[in-house]
PDB file of N, CA and C in Angstrom:
ATOM      1  N   MET A   1     113.833 146.060-136.683  1.00  0.00           N
ATOM      2  CA  MET A   1     113.217 146.938-136.280  1.00  0.00           C
ATOM      3  C   MET A   1     112.660 147.716-134.890  1.00  0.00           C
ATOM      4  N   ALA A   2     113.694 148.845-134.737  1.00  0.00           N
ATOM      5  CA  ALA A   2     113.235 148.837-133.402  1.00  0.00           C
ATOM      6  C   ALA A   2     111.683 150.008-133.061  1.00  0.00           C
ATOM      7  N   TYR A   3     111.364 149.945-132.268  1.00  0.00           N
ATOM      8  CA  TYR A   3     109.414 150.665-131.913  1.00  0.00           C
ATOM      9  C   TYR A   3     110.500 151.622-130.960  1.00  0.00           C
ATOM     10  N   SER A   4     110.401 152.677-131.162  1.00  0.00           N
ATOM     11  CA  SER A   4     109.821 153.353-130.109  1.00  0.00           C
ATOM     12  C   SER A   4     108.517 154.534-129.424  1.00  0.00           C
ATOM     13  N   SER A   5     107.982 154.823-128.720  1.00  0.00           N
ATOM     14  CA  SER A   5     107.208 155.139-128.295  1.00  0.00           C
ATOM     15  C   SER A   5     106.969 156.257-127.969  1.00  0.00           C
ATOM     16  N   HIS A   6     106.505 158.427-128.326  1.00  0.00           N
ATOM     17  CA  HIS A   6     106.434 159.502-127.452  1.00  0.00           C
ATOM     18  C   HIS A   6     106.132 159.505-126.863  1.00  0.00           C
ATOM     19  N   SER A   7     104.825 158.359-126.345  1.00  0.00           N
ATOM     20  CA  SER A   7     103.991 159.063-125.449  1.00  0.00           C
ATOM     21  C   SER A   7     104.562 159.851-124.506  1.00  0.00           C
ATOM     22  N   ASN A   8     103.181 160.414-123.906  1.00  0.00           N
ATOM     23  CA  ASN A   8     104.098 161.051-122.335  1.00  0.00           C
ATOM     24  C   ASN A   8     102.390 160.455-121.542  1.00  0.00           C
ATOM     25  N   VAL A   9     101.799 158.921-121.763  1.00  0.00           N
ATOM     26  CA  VAL A   9     101.865 158.343-120.475  1.00  0.00           C
ATOM     27  C   VAL A   9     102.028 157.936-119.840  1.00  0.00           C
ATOM     28  N   PRO A  10     102.245 158.338-118.395  1.00  0.00           N
ATOM     29  CA  PRO A  10     102.447 157.521-117.698  1.00  0.00           C
ATOM     30  C   PRO A  10     102.236 156.333-117.184  1.00  0.00           C
ATOM     31  N   ALA A  11     103.470 154.958-117.075  1.00  0.00           N
ATOM     32  CA  ALA A  11     103.107 153.671-116.659  1.00  0.00           C
ATOM     33  C   ALA A  11     102.391 153.548-115.455  1.00  0.00           C
ATOM     34  N   PRO A  12     101.204 152.510-115.256  1.00  0.00           N
ATOM     35  CA  PRO A  12      99.830 152.589-114.608  1.00  0.00           C
ATOM     36  C   PRO A  12     100.770 152.377-113.241  1.00  0.00           C
ATOM     37  N   GLY A  13      99.957 153.324-112.063  1.00  0.00           N
ATOM     38  CA  GLY A  13     100.487 152.891-110.758  1.00  0.00           C
ATOM     39  C   GLY A  13     101.646 153.655-110.387  1.00  0.00           C
ATOM     40  N   PHE A  14     102.727 154.288-111.447  1.00  0.00           N
ATOM     41  CA  PHE A  14     103.858 154.737-111.015  1.00  0.00           C
ATOM     42  C   PHE A  14     103.691 156.342-110.666  1.00  0.00           C
ATOM     43  N   GLY A  15     102.530 157.038-111.244  1.00  0.00           N
ATOM     44  CA  GLY A  15     102.280 158.419-110.848  1.00  0.00           C
ATOM     45  C   GLY A  15     102.792 158.565-109.193  1.00  0.00           C
ATOM     46  N   ASN A  16     101.966 158.235-107.875  1.00  0.00           N
ATOM     47  CA  ASN A  16     101.974 158.405-107.036  1.00  0.00           C
ATOM     48  C   ASN A  16     102.910 157.610-106.363  1.00  0.00           C
ATOM     49  N   VAL A  17     103.245 157.147-106.809  1.00  0.00           N
ATOM     50  CA  VAL A  17     104.946 156.593-106.162  1.00  0.00           C
ATOM     51  C   VAL A  17     105.848 157.454-106.015  1.00  0.00           C
ATOM     52  N   GLY A  18     106.243 157.997-107.420  1.00  0.00           N
ATOM     53  CA  GLY A  18     107.286 158.877-108.065  1.00  0.00           C
ATOM     54  C   GLY A  18     106.344 159.983-107.115  1.00  0.00           C
ATOM     55  N   ARG A  19     105.883 160.717-106.585  1.00  0.00           N
ATOM     56  CA  ARG A  19     104.977 161.934-106.087  1.00  0.00           C
ATOM     57  C   ARG A  19     105.804 161.759-104.308  1.00  0.00           C
ATOM     58  N   PHE A  20     105.353 160.890-103.906  1.00  0.00           N
ATOM     59  CA  PHE A  20     105.804 160.163-102.568  1.00  0.00           C
ATOM     60  C   PHE A  20     107.420 159.918-102.532  1.00  0.00           C
ATOM     61  N   VAL A  21     108.439 159.643-103.663  1.00  0.00           N
ATOM     62  CA  VAL A  21     109.394 159.387-102.962  1.00  0.00           C
ATOM     63  C   VAL A  21     110.263 160.994-103.118  1.00  0.00           C
ATOM     64  N   LEU A  22     109.363 161.669-103.866  1.00  0.00           N
ATOM     65  CA  LEU A  22     110.329 162.832-103.893  1.00  0.00           C
ATOM     66  C   LEU A  22     109.424 164.212-102.894  1.00  0.00           C
ATOM     67  N   ALA A  23     108.819 163.242-101.963  1.00  0.00           N
ATOM     68  CA  ALA A  23     107.948 164.291-101.220  1.00  0.00           C
ATOM     69  C   ALA A  23     109.178 165.259-100.199  1.00  0.00           C
ATOM     70  N   PRO A  24     109.939 164.106 -99.592  1.00  0.00           N
ATOM     71  CA  PRO A  24     110.714 164.251 -98.952  1.00  0.00           C
ATOM     72  C   PRO A  24     112.303 165.665 -99.490  1.00  0.00           C
ATOM     73  N   LEU A  25     112.230 165.624-101.130  1.00  0.00           N
ATOM     74  CA  LEU A  25     113.374 166.330-101.126  1.00  0.00           C
ATOM     75  C   LEU A  25     112.591 168.008-101.837  1.00  0.00           C
ATOM     76  N   ARG A  26     111.336 167.788-101.986  1.00  0.00           N
ATOM     77  CA  ARG A  26     110.689 169.167-102.030  1.00  0.00           C
ATOM     78  C   ARG A  26     110.282 169.762-100.986  1.00  0.00           C
ATOM     79  N   LEU A  27     110.632 169.204 -99.633  1.00  0.00           N
ATOM     80  CA  LEU A  27     110.488 169.971 -98.183  1.00  0.00           C
ATOM     81  C   LEU A  27     111.750 169.633 -97.897  1.00  0.00           C
ATOM     82  N   ILE A  28     113.036 168.973 -98.282  1.00  0.00           N
ATOM     83  CA  ILE A  28     114.394 170.111 -98.177  1.00  0.00           C
ATOM     84  C   ILE A  28     114.604 171.128 -99.008  1.00  0.00           C
ATOM     85  N   ASP A  29     114.358 171.226-100.100  1.00  0.00           N
ATOM     86  CA  ASP A  29     114.073 172.063-101.477  1.00  0.00           C
ATOM     87  C   ASP A  29     113.509 173.685-100.538  1.00  0.00           C
ATOM     88  N   GLY A  30     112.413 173.742-100.197  1.00  0.00           N
ATOM     89  CA  GLY A  30     111.581 174.502 -99.381  1.00  0.00           C
ATOM     90  C   GLY A  30     112.034 174.852 -97.700  1.00  0.00           C
ATOM     91  N   PHE A  31     113.024 174.609 -97.104  1.00  0.00           N
ATOM     92  CA  PHE A  31     113.286 174.444 -96.344  1.00  0.00           C
ATOM     93  C   PHE A  31     114.884 175.386 -96.603  1.00  0.00           C
ATOM     94  N   PHE A  32     115.447 174.912 -96.791  1.00  0.00           N
ATOM     95  CA  PHE A  32     117.021 175.774 -98.446  1.00  0.00           C
ATOM     96  C   PHE A  32     116.109 176.716 -98.847  1.00  0.00           C
ATOM     97  N   LYS A  33     115.081 177.007 -99.108  1.00  0.00           N
ATOM     98  CA  LYS A  33     114.962 178.597-100.205  1.00  0.00           C
ATOM     99  C   LYS A  33     114.534 179.456 -99.048  1.00  0.00           C
ATOM    100  N   SER A  34     114.117 178.930 -97.531  1.00  0.00           N
ATOM    101  CA  SER A  34     113.593 179.508 -96.575  1.00  0.00           C
ATOM    102  C   SER A  34     114.636 180.382 -95.800  1.00  0.00           C
ATOM    103  N   VAL A  35     115.753 179.377 -95.596  1.00  0.00           N
ATOM    104  CA  VAL A  35     116.837 179.778 -94.930  1.00  0.00           C
ATOM    105  C   VAL A  35     117.512 180.753 -95.745  1.00  0.00           C
ATOM    106  N   VAL A  36     117.557 180.920 -97.191  1.00  0.00           N
ATOM    107  CA  VAL A  36     118.059 182.037 -97.840  1.00  0.00           C
ATOM    108  C   VAL A  36     117.272 182.824 -97.904  1.00  0.00           C
ATOM    109  N   ALA A  37     116.281 183.196 -97.837  1.00  0.00           N
ATOM    110  CA  ALA A  37     114.885 184.073 -97.837  1.00  0.00           C
ATOM    111  C   ALA A  37     115.192 184.899 -96.689  1.00  0.00           C
ATOM    112  N   ALA A  38     115.725 184.302 -95.390  1.00  0.00           N
ATOM    113  CA  ALA A  38     115.420 184.549 -94.775  1.00  0.00           C
ATOM    114  C   ALA A  38     117.080 185.179 -93.977  1.00  0.00           C
ATOM    115  N   ASN A  39     117.823 184.920 -94.730  1.00  0.00           N
ATOM    116  CA  ASN A  39     119.390 185.689 -94.885  1.00  0.00           C
ATOM    117  C   ASN A  39     119.181 186.955 -95.317  1.00  0.00           C
ATOM    118  N   ARG A  40     118.685 187.046 -96.797  1.00  0.00           N
ATOM    119  CA  ARG A  40     118.565 188.343 -97.603  1.00  0.00           C
ATOM    120  C   ARG A  40     117.802 189.214 -96.885  1.00  0.00           C
ATOM    121  N   PHE A  41     116.812 188.543 -96.097  1.00  0.00           N
ATOM    122  CA  PHE A  41     115.808 190.061 -95.136  1.00  0.00           C
ATOM    123  C   PHE A  41     116.403 190.194 -93.966  1.00  0.00           C
ATOM    124  N   ALA A  42     117.355 189.415 -94.007  1.00  0.00           N
ATOM    125  CA  ALA A  42     118.334 189.791 -92.393  1.00  0.00           C
ATOM    126  C   ALA A  42     119.507 191.007 -92.879  1.00  0.00           C
ATOM    127  N   HIS A  43     120.084 190.393 -94.068  1.00  0.00           N
ATOM    128  CA  HIS A  43     120.866 191.275 -94.454  1.00  0.00           C
ATOM    129  C   HIS A  43     120.123 192.998 -94.918  1.00  0.00           C
ATOM    130  N   GLU A  44     119.304 192.721 -95.614  1.00  0.00           N
ATOM    131  CA  GLU A  44     118.507 193.783 -95.422  1.00  0.00           C
ATOM    132  C   GLU A  44     118.342 195.246 -93.918  1.00  0.00           C
ATOM    133  N   VAL A  45     117.801 194.242 -93.582  1.00  0.00           N
ATOM    134  CA  VAL A  45     117.677 195.187 -92.404  1.00  0.00           C
ATOM    135  C   VAL A  45     118.972 196.052 -91.391  1.00  0.00           C
ATOM    136  N   GLU A  46     119.674 194.596 -91.381  1.00  0.00           N
ATOM    137  CA  GLU A  46     121.578 195.951 -91.316  1.00  0.00           C
ATOM    138  C   GLU A  46     121.494 196.461 -92.175  1.00  0.00           C
ATOM    139  N   THR A  47     121.436 196.328 -93.504  1.00  0.00           N
ATOM    140  CA  THR A  47     122.047 197.460 -94.336  1.00  0.00           C
ATOM    141  C   THR A  47     121.190 198.729 -94.056  1.00  0.00           C
ATOM    142  N   LEU A  48     120.284 198.541 -94.405  1.00  0.00           N
ATOM    143  CA  LEU A  48     119.117 199.798 -93.526  1.00  0.00           C
ATOM    144  C   LEU A  48     119.489 200.535 -92.568  1.00  0.00           C
ATOM    145  N   SER A  49     119.532 199.797 -91.126  1.00  0.00           N
ATOM    146  CA  SER A  49     119.813 200.065 -90.474  1.00  0.00           C
ATOM    147  C   SER A  49     120.965 200.656 -89.995  1.00  0.00           C
ATOM    148  N   MET A  50     122.109 200.893 -90.972  1.00  0.00           N
ATOM    149  CA  MET A  50     123.128 201.438 -91.014  1.00  0.00           C
ATOM    150  C   MET A  50     122.881 202.790 -91.292  1.00  0.00           C
ATOM    151  N   ALA A  51     121.858 202.705 -92.510  1.00  0.00           N
ATOM    152  CA  ALA A  51     121.463 204.184 -92.979  1.00  0.00           C
ATOM    153  C   ALA A  51     121.248 205.126 -92.963  1.00  0.00           C
ATOM    154  N   SER A  52     121.460 206.400 -93.334  1.00  0.00           N
ATOM    155  CA  SER A  52     121.474 207.523 -92.543  1.00  0.00           C
ATOM    156  C   SER A  52     119.751 207.936 -92.521  1.00  0.00           C
ATOM    157  N   ASP A  53     119.157 208.806 -91.289  1.00  0.00           N
ATOM    158  CA  ASP A  53     118.032 208.563 -91.533  1.00  0.00           C
ATOM    159  C   ASP A  53     117.181 209.547 -92.720  1.00  0.00           C
ATOM    160  N   GLN A  54     118.394 210.360 -92.909  1.00  0.00           N
ATOM    161  CA  GLN A  54     118.019 211.094 -94.775  1.00  0.00           C
ATOM    162  C   GLN A  54     117.510 210.145 -95.690  1.00  0.00           C
ATOM    163  N   ARG A  55     118.008 208.900 -95.495  1.00  0.00           N
ATOM    164  CA  ARG A  55     117.956 207.706 -97.143  1.00  0.00           C
ATOM    165  C   ARG A  55     116.766 207.002 -96.128  1.00  0.00           C
ATOM    166  N   LEU A  56     116.825 206.619 -94.897  1.00  0.00           N
ATOM    167  CA  LEU A  56     115.833 205.782 -94.821  1.00  0.00           C
ATOM    168  C   LEU A  56     114.517 206.440 -95.162  1.00  0.00           C
ATOM    169  N   ALA A  57     114.211 207.815 -94.849  1.00  0.00           N
ATOM    170  CA  ALA A  57     112.899 209.327 -95.108  1.00  0.00           C
ATOM    171  C   ALA A  57     112.800 209.052 -96.616  1.00  0.00           C
ATOM    172  N   ALA A  58     113.961 209.427 -97.191  1.00  0.00           N
ATOM    173  CA  ALA A  58     113.798 208.834 -98.922  1.00  0.00           C
ATOM    174  C   ALA A  58     113.095 207.349 -99.638  1.00  0.00           C
ATOM    175  N   LEU A  59     113.218 206.522 -98.392  1.00  0.00           N
ATOM    176  CA  LEU A  59     113.133 205.413 -99.201  1.00  0.00           C
ATOM    177  C   LEU A  59     111.130 204.695 -98.483  1.00  0.00           C
ATOM    178  N   GLY A  60     110.861 205.905 -97.714  1.00  0.00           N
ATOM    179  CA  GLY A  60     109.837 205.870 -97.082  1.00  0.00           C
ATOM    180  C   GLY A  60     109.824 205.310 -95.766  1.00  0.00           C
ATOM    181  N   LEU A  61     110.868 205.123 -94.743  1.00  0.00           N
ATOM    182  CA  LEU A  61     111.023 204.573 -93.853  1.00  0.00           C
ATOM    183  C   LEU A  61     111.126 204.607 -92.469  1.00  0.00           C
ATOM    184  N   LYS A  62     111.210 204.682 -91.363  1.00  0.00           N
ATOM    185  CA  LYS A  62     111.522 204.932 -90.356  1.00  0.00           C
ATOM    186  C   LYS A  62     112.504 204.075 -89.486  1.00  0.00           C
ATOM    187  N   ARG A  63     113.432 204.478 -88.474  1.00  0.00           N
ATOM    188  CA  ARG A  63     114.341 203.833 -87.702  1.00  0.00           C
ATOM    189  C   ARG A  63     113.555 202.751 -87.268  1.00  0.00           C
ATOM    190  N   ASP A  64     112.766 203.777 -85.974  1.00  0.00           N
ATOM    191  CA  ASP A  64     112.010 202.499 -85.092  1.00  0.00           C
ATOM    192  C   ASP A  64     111.446 202.028 -85.307  1.00  0.00           C
ATOM    193  N   THR A  65     110.628 201.735 -86.678  1.00  0.00           N
ATOM    194  CA  THR A  65     109.778 200.390 -87.273  1.00  0.00           C
ATOM    195  C   THR A  65     110.330 199.823 -88.297  1.00  0.00           C
ATOM    196  N   LEU A  66     111.836 200.291 -88.418  1.00  0.00           N
ATOM    197  CA  LEU A  66     111.974 199.676 -89.807  1.00  0.00           C
ATOM    198  C   LEU A  66     111.872 197.964 -89.879  1.00  0.00           C
ATOM    199  N   VAL A  67     112.145 197.326 -89.008  1.00  0.00           N
ATOM    200  CA  VAL A  67     111.923 195.361 -89.128  1.00  0.00           C
ATOM    201  C   VAL A  67     110.359 195.836 -89.688  1.00  0.00           C
ATOM    202  N   ALA A  68     109.402 196.187 -88.924  1.00  0.00           N
ATOM    203  CA  ALA A  68     108.018 195.773 -89.058  1.00  0.00           C
ATOM    204  C   ALA A  68     107.273 196.216 -90.140  1.00  0.00           C
ATOM    205  N   ASP A  69     108.525 197.387 -90.694  1.00  0.00           N
ATOM    206  CA  ASP A  69     107.838 198.169 -92.136  1.00  0.00           C
ATOM    207  C   ASP A  69     108.577 197.145 -93.447  1.00  0.00           C
ATOM    208  N   LEU A  70     109.697 196.635 -93.213  1.00  0.00           N
ATOM    209  CA  LEU A  70     110.224 195.511 -94.352  1.00  0.00           C
ATOM    210  C   LEU A  70     109.526 194.578 -93.940  1.00  0.00           C
ATOM    211  N   ALA A  71     109.208 194.141 -93.382  1.00  0.00           N
ATOM    212  CA  ALA A  71     108.299 192.428 -92.716  1.00  0.00           C
ATOM    213  C   ALA A  71     106.916 192.227 -94.075  1.00  0.00           C
ATOM    214  N   ALA A  72     106.498 193.994 -93.664  1.00  0.00           N
ATOM    215  CA  ALA A  72     105.287 194.179 -94.521  1.00  0.00           C
ATOM    216  C   ALA A  72     105.591 194.505 -95.900  1.00  0.00           C
ATOM    217  N   ARG A  73     106.628 194.466 -96.137  1.00  0.00           N
ATOM    218  CA  ARG A  73     106.868 194.646 -97.978  1.00  0.00           C
ATOM    219  C   ARG A  73     107.246 193.117 -98.649  1.00  0.00           C
ATOM    220  N   SER A  74     107.628 192.326 -97.511  1.00  0.00           N
ATOM    221  CA  SER A  74     108.500 191.110 -97.804  1.00  0.00           C
ATOM    222  C   SER A  74     107.576 190.078 -98.624  1.00  0.00           C
ATOM    223  N   ASP A  75     107.873 188.801 -99.103  1.00  0.00           N
ATOM    224  CA  ASP A  75     106.928 188.077 -99.506  1.00  0.00           C
ATOM    225  C   ASP A  75     106.864 187.077 -98.168  1.00  0.00           C
ATOM    226  N   LEU A  76     107.965 186.773 -97.056  1.00  0.00           N
ATOM    227  CA  LEU A  76     108.144 186.104 -96.111  1.00  0.00           C
ATOM    228  C   LEU A  76     107.361 185.959 -95.211  1.00  0.00           C
ATOM    229  N   PHE A  77     106.800 187.061 -94.363  1.00  0.00           N
ATOM    230  CA  PHE A  77     105.527 187.187 -93.993  1.00  0.00           C
ATOM    231  C   PHE A  77     104.187 187.845 -94.587  1.00  0.00           C
ATOM    232  N   ARG A  78     103.577 186.831 -95.520  1.00  0.00           N
ATOM    233  CA  ARG A  78     102.711 186.911 -95.847  1.00  0.00           C
ATOM    234  C   ARG A  78     101.459 185.813 -95.578  1.00  0.00           C
ATOM    235  N   ALA A  79     100.455 186.114 -95.156  1.00  0.00           N
ATOM    236  CA  ALA A  79      99.712 185.431 -94.517  1.00  0.00           C
ATOM    237  C   ALA A  79      99.410 183.968 -95.908  1.00  0.00           C
ATOM    238  N   ALA A  80      99.219 182.658 -95.359  1.00  0.00           N
ATOM    239  CA  ALA A  80      98.269 181.653 -96.683  1.00  0.00           C
ATOM    240  C   ALA A  80      97.497 181.987 -97.054  1.00  0.00           C
TER     241      ALA A  80
END
């Protein structure tokens, strides 16, 4: 007869080791997420910079403050 345990109790001493081993992967993941978000922001700035003044006004934006307005609305530039 085989015994199988379904408890979620971690093995002693391995919790911090796992966190330590996975830390570089979390850092790399965060880096790539930041690159993707920055590319989306740049694409939005580029797209809206080609829009007409009427369209920008309808969105509540001005051409001369476009980047600053989009940055204020973005999650990328919020203070921690």
